[in-house]
Amino acid sequence: MQLPRRARRCKIAGVFIDGTLRKIARPTHNQRIVYNGWKRIHCLKYHTVLTPDGIHSHVFEPIEGRRHDSTLYEQSGLKSHLDQHSWDPDGNLLVIYGDPAYGLQTHLISPFAGLTLLPEQQRWNTKMSRVREAVEWGFGETARQFAFIDYSKNQKAVLSPVGVYYITALLFANAHAILHVSEVPQYFNCQPPTLSEYFHGLPPDNGIDLNIVSGPLWDTTEIYDEAGGGDQLSGDATQREDMQGRLGRPRR
């Protein structure tokens, strides 16, 4: 099978990354900031890394819904975590798998692209697509268990901390997956950790840390890019800071 060049010397860790759009109520002001032209909804975007035990091991942001999945990956700092931790005990590269939007990275691979694919490449895409659906199961399970986050009329970005709502839902969805063993760990036959291991943590005994976290809860709910440049939003800094606080991050 013709694998991507970087993947030939690596192992797939069985970990999947994907972004999700969460619909919100239409804002009164600055509607275009959170408008997604593809889905034609006002929304916020998150991405998560789902491990085979059904745990959302990494969650990033929200950011405005018009942004691309690759933008989330670049802003999340996940690449540096993977560079540090995504190796097996023998020093072999471990990679995670995402959809074509993520492209090919050092620790991230995606399906083959192109109009003329070899049969081996088509089989690879088909098989990986089937298992990558697990991350969609994780999003669906969260929405089923915490239906409030699916009611967009109550998700008012400038009036309530909607970012905290969804990230908190993911946290408790992880706990639910541990207690009730959701369909993801059953599918992969991978036992989740205990609640004590999950909430208190244990030092890895093999040098591999797959529970990648991008920081404390408040550090994962910032919606706007404060670094400036092409992703800087219109409006004065005070207005952006006010919206950040209302979306779930305390003002600085």
Protein backbone atom coordinates (compact mmCIF):
# COMPACT_ATOMS: atom_id res chain seq x y z
CA MET A 1 0.00 0.00 0.00
CA GLN A 2 1.37 3.39 -0.97
CA LEU A 3 1.20 5.43 2.21
CA PRO A 4 2.06 9.12 2.50
CA ARG A 5 5.81 9.54 2.51
CA ARG A 6 5.96 10.61 6.15
CA ALA A 7 3.61 7.82 7.19
CA ARG A 8 5.87 5.06 5.90
CA ARG A 9 8.16 5.45 8.91
CA CYS A 10 5.47 6.03 11.52
CA LYS A 11 2.60 4.35 13.32
CA ILE A 12 -1.00 5.52 13.46
CA ALA A 13 -1.88 6.00 17.12
CA GLY A 14 -5.60 5.34 16.57
CA VAL A 15 -6.30 8.94 17.51
CA PHE A 16 -8.58 11.16 15.44
CA ILE A 17 -8.92 14.91 15.11
CA ASP A 18 -11.89 16.81 13.78
CA GLY A 19 -13.62 20.15 14.02
CA THR A 20 -17.25 20.77 14.87
CA LEU A 21 -19.56 23.72 14.32
CA ARG A 22 -21.97 24.61 17.13
CA LYS A 23 -24.87 26.76 16.04
CA ILE A 24 -25.59 29.86 18.11
CA ALA A 25 -28.29 32.50 18.12
CA ARG A 26 -27.79 35.20 15.50
CA PRO A 27 -25.95 38.10 17.14
CA THR A 28 -27.43 41.57 16.96
CA HIS A 29 -24.08 43.10 16.01
CA ASN A 30 -21.03 41.83 14.08
CA GLN A 31 -22.97 38.94 12.59
CA ARG A 32 -20.44 38.24 9.87
CA ILE A 33 -17.77 37.39 12.46
CA VAL A 34 -19.47 34.14 13.41
CA TYR A 35 -21.27 33.40 10.12
CA ASN A 36 -20.27 30.24 8.30
CA GLY A 37 -21.06 30.55 4.60
CA TRP A 38 -20.72 26.82 3.96
CA LYS A 39 -23.39 25.79 6.49
CA ARG A 40 -25.15 29.16 6.30
CA ILE A 41 -25.48 29.44 10.04
CA HIS A 42 -24.07 31.59 12.82
CA CYS A 43 -21.82 29.35 14.85
CA LEU A 44 -18.65 28.81 16.83
CA LYS A 45 -16.04 26.24 15.89
CA TYR A 46 -14.11 23.83 18.11
CA HIS A 47 -11.81 20.96 17.43
CA THR A 48 -11.14 17.91 19.55
CA VAL A 49 -8.82 14.93 19.52
CA LEU A 50 -10.67 11.69 20.30
CA THR A 51 -8.75 8.67 21.58
CA PRO A 52 -9.96 5.05 21.13
CA ASP A 53 -11.19 4.92 24.73
CA GLY A 54 -13.89 7.47 23.85
CA ILE A 55 -12.19 10.39 25.61
CA HIS A 56 -11.93 13.86 24.11
CA SER A 57 -8.29 14.27 25.08
CA HIS A 58 -7.72 17.69 23.56
CA VAL A 59 -10.23 20.50 23.07
CA PHE A 60 -9.48 23.88 21.57
CA GLU A 61 -11.28 27.21 21.75
CA PRO A 62 -14.11 28.28 20.36
CA ILE A 63 -13.16 30.52 17.52
CA GLU A 64 -15.48 32.27 15.08
CA GLY A 65 -17.38 29.89 12.83
CA ARG A 66 -16.02 31.23 9.54
CA ARG A 67 -12.51 29.90 10.21
CA HIS A 68 -11.05 26.79 8.56
CA ASP A 69 -10.14 23.60 10.44
CA SER A 70 -6.48 24.13 9.61
CA THR A 71 -6.64 27.52 11.35
CA LEU A 72 -7.77 25.83 14.56
CA TYR A 73 -4.91 23.37 14.31
CA GLU A 74 -2.35 26.12 13.83
CA GLN A 75 -3.70 28.26 16.66
CA SER A 76 -4.26 25.41 19.11
CA GLY A 77 -0.61 24.66 19.81
CA LEU A 78 -1.38 20.97 19.32
CA LYS A 79 1.57 20.56 16.97
CA SER A 80 4.06 21.37 19.73
CA HIS A 81 2.37 18.86 22.07
CA LEU A 82 2.58 16.18 19.40
CA ASP A 83 6.21 17.00 18.64
CA GLN A 84 7.00 16.45 22.32
CA HIS A 85 4.82 13.45 23.19
CA SER A 86 3.76 11.61 20.04
CA TRP A 87 6.49 8.94 19.91
CA ASP A 88 6.52 5.29 20.88
CA PRO A 89 9.09 3.84 23.33
CA ASP A 90 11.36 2.91 20.41
CA GLY A 91 11.38 6.47 19.09
CA ASN A 92 9.07 5.83 16.16
CA LEU A 93 6.80 8.60 15.01
CA LEU A 94 3.13 8.37 16.05
CA VAL A 95 0.58 10.21 13.96
CA ILE A 96 -3.07 11.15 14.34
CA TYR A 97 -5.62 11.05 11.54
CA GLY A 98 -7.84 13.86 10.31
CA ASP A 99 -9.99 14.77 7.34
CA PRO A 100 -8.51 16.31 4.17
CA ALA A 101 -8.85 19.83 5.57
CA TYR A 102 -5.79 19.24 7.78
CA GLY A 103 -3.46 18.20 4.99
CA LEU A 104 -0.20 16.42 5.77
CA GLN A 105 1.76 17.40 8.87
CA THR A 106 4.64 15.81 10.75
CA HIS A 107 2.32 14.10 13.24
CA LEU A 108 -0.92 14.32 11.28
CA ILE A 109 -2.00 12.53 8.13
CA SER A 110 -5.19 12.66 6.09
CA PRO A 111 -6.78 10.79 3.15
CA PHE A 112 -5.16 10.66 -0.25
CA ALA A 113 -6.39 13.41 -2.55
CA GLY A 114 -6.66 13.52 -6.30
CA LEU A 115 -8.82 12.35 -9.16
CA THR A 116 -6.73 9.30 -10.07
CA LEU A 117 -5.92 7.18 -7.03
CA LEU A 118 -4.31 3.77 -7.02
CA PRO A 119 -6.49 0.89 -5.78
CA GLU A 120 -4.35 0.64 -2.64
CA GLN A 121 -4.86 4.33 -1.93
CA GLN A 122 -8.61 4.03 -2.42
CA ARG A 123 -8.74 1.09 -0.01
CA TRP A 124 -6.73 3.09 2.50
CA ASN A 125 -9.14 6.02 2.27
CA THR A 126 -12.18 3.75 2.64
CA LYS A 127 -10.87 1.85 5.65
CA MET A 128 -9.66 4.97 7.46
CA SER A 129 -12.92 6.79 6.74
CA ARG A 130 -14.84 4.05 8.51
CA VAL A 131 -12.84 4.29 11.72
CA ARG A 132 -12.55 8.08 11.61
CA GLU A 133 -16.33 8.25 12.02
CA ALA A 134 -15.70 7.57 15.70
CA VAL A 135 -15.00 11.24 16.34
CA GLU A 136 -18.44 12.08 14.94
CA TRP A 137 -19.93 9.56 17.35
CA GLY A 138 -18.23 11.44 20.15
CA PHE A 139 -19.77 14.75 19.09
CA GLY A 140 -23.18 13.11 18.73
CA GLU A 141 -23.01 11.48 22.15
CA THR A 142 -22.21 14.81 23.77
CA ALA A 143 -25.22 16.45 22.12
CA ARG A 144 -27.50 13.58 23.14
CA GLN A 145 -26.45 13.64 26.76
CA PHE A 146 -26.51 17.44 27.09
CA ALA A 147 -29.28 18.59 24.77
CA PHE A 148 -29.09 22.17 26.05
CA ILE A 149 -26.00 22.82 23.91
CA ASP A 150 -28.02 21.82 20.81
CA TYR A 151 -30.68 24.48 21.38
CA SER A 152 -29.20 27.38 19.45
CA LYS A 153 -31.73 29.98 20.59
CA ASN A 154 -30.26 29.78 24.08
CA GLN A 155 -26.67 29.93 22.84
CA LYS A 156 -26.35 33.72 22.84
CA ALA A 157 -22.71 34.52 22.34
CA VAL A 158 -22.72 38.03 23.80
CA LEU A 159 -25.05 37.24 26.69
CA SER A 160 -23.82 33.90 28.02
CA PRO A 161 -20.53 31.93 28.15
CA VAL A 162 -21.42 29.52 25.38
CA GLY A 163 -17.80 28.39 25.05
CA VAL A 164 -17.78 27.20 28.64
CA TYR A 165 -21.10 25.44 28.12
CA TYR A 166 -19.78 23.25 25.34
CA ILE A 167 -16.38 22.53 26.86
CA THR A 168 -18.04 21.62 30.15
CA ALA A 169 -20.40 19.33 28.24
CA LEU A 170 -17.39 17.59 26.68
CA LEU A 171 -15.82 17.19 30.12
CA PHE A 172 -18.92 15.52 31.53
CA ALA A 173 -19.35 13.50 28.34
CA ASN A 174 -15.89 12.08 29.03
CA ALA A 175 -17.03 11.12 32.53
CA HIS A 176 -20.17 9.54 31.07
CA ALA A 177 -18.08 7.55 28.58
CA ILE A 178 -16.01 6.22 31.48
CA LEU A 179 -18.97 5.22 33.62
CA HIS A 180 -21.15 3.76 30.87
CA VAL A 181 -18.55 2.72 28.24
CA SER A 182 -19.85 4.47 25.14
CA GLU A 183 -19.87 3.05 21.62
CA VAL A 184 -16.39 4.36 20.76
CA PRO A 185 -14.43 2.23 23.30
CA GLN A 186 -16.69 -0.71 22.48
CA TYR A 187 -15.93 -0.35 18.78
CA PHE A 188 -12.17 -0.18 19.33
CA ASN A 189 -12.20 -2.60 22.28
CA CYS A 190 -10.26 -0.05 24.33
CA GLN A 191 -11.10 0.31 28.00
CA PRO A 192 -11.34 3.94 29.21
CA PRO A 193 -9.53 5.04 32.36
CA THR A 194 -11.23 5.14 35.74
CA LEU A 195 -12.72 8.38 36.99
CA SER A 196 -9.86 8.71 39.46
CA GLU A 197 -7.27 8.29 36.72
CA TYR A 198 -9.08 10.73 34.47
CA PHE A 199 -9.65 13.56 36.93
CA HIS A 200 -6.49 13.18 39.00
CA GLY A 201 -4.11 11.81 36.39
CA LEU A 202 -1.28 9.35 36.65
CA PRO A 203 2.29 9.72 35.38
CA PRO A 204 2.72 7.78 32.12
CA ASP A 205 4.62 4.56 32.69
CA ASN A 206 5.88 4.29 29.12
CA GLY A 207 6.88 7.83 28.26
CA ILE A 208 3.82 8.40 26.06
CA ASP A 209 1.28 11.02 27.01
CA LEU A 210 -1.82 10.85 24.84
CA ASN A 211 -3.97 12.92 27.20
CA ILE A 212 -3.03 16.17 25.50
CA VAL A 213 -4.67 19.19 27.06
CA SER A 214 -4.23 22.70 25.71
CA GLY A 215 -4.45 24.31 29.14
CA PRO A 216 -6.92 25.04 31.92
CA LEU A 217 -10.57 25.48 31.07
CA TRP A 218 -10.36 29.26 30.87
CA ASP A 219 -7.37 29.03 28.56
CA THR A 220 -9.30 26.90 26.05
CA THR A 221 -12.27 29.19 25.53
CA GLU A 222 -10.71 32.24 23.93
CA ILE A 223 -12.58 33.04 20.74
CA TYR A 224 -10.43 35.65 19.06
CA ASP A 225 -6.89 35.70 17.77
CA GLU A 226 -5.01 38.19 19.92
CA ALA A 227 -1.80 37.88 17.92
CA GLY A 228 -3.05 40.19 15.22
CA GLY A 229 -2.36 39.75 11.54
CA GLY A 230 -4.77 38.31 9.02
CA ASP A 231 -7.09 36.81 11.62
CA GLN A 232 -7.57 40.05 13.55
CA LEU A 233 -11.25 40.90 13.74
CA SER A 234 -12.80 44.23 12.93
CA GLY A 235 -13.93 46.52 15.74
CA ASP A 236 -12.05 48.15 18.55
CA ALA A 237 -10.11 46.16 21.15
CA THR A 238 -12.55 46.96 23.93
CA GLN A 239 -15.43 45.43 22.00
CA ARG A 240 -13.46 42.26 21.25
CA GLU A 241 -12.38 41.94 24.87
CA ASP A 242 -15.96 42.34 26.00
CA MET A 243 -17.13 39.56 23.67
CA GLN A 244 -14.29 37.31 24.84
CA GLY A 245 -15.37 37.66 28.44
CA ARG A 246 -18.99 36.93 27.60
CA LEU A 247 -18.04 33.87 25.56
CA GLY A 248 -16.33 32.26 28.47
CA ARG A 249 -12.94 33.78 29.17
CA PRO A 250 -12.39 36.33 31.93
CA ARG A 251 -11.10 39.71 30.82
CA ARG A 252 -7.43 40.43 31.26
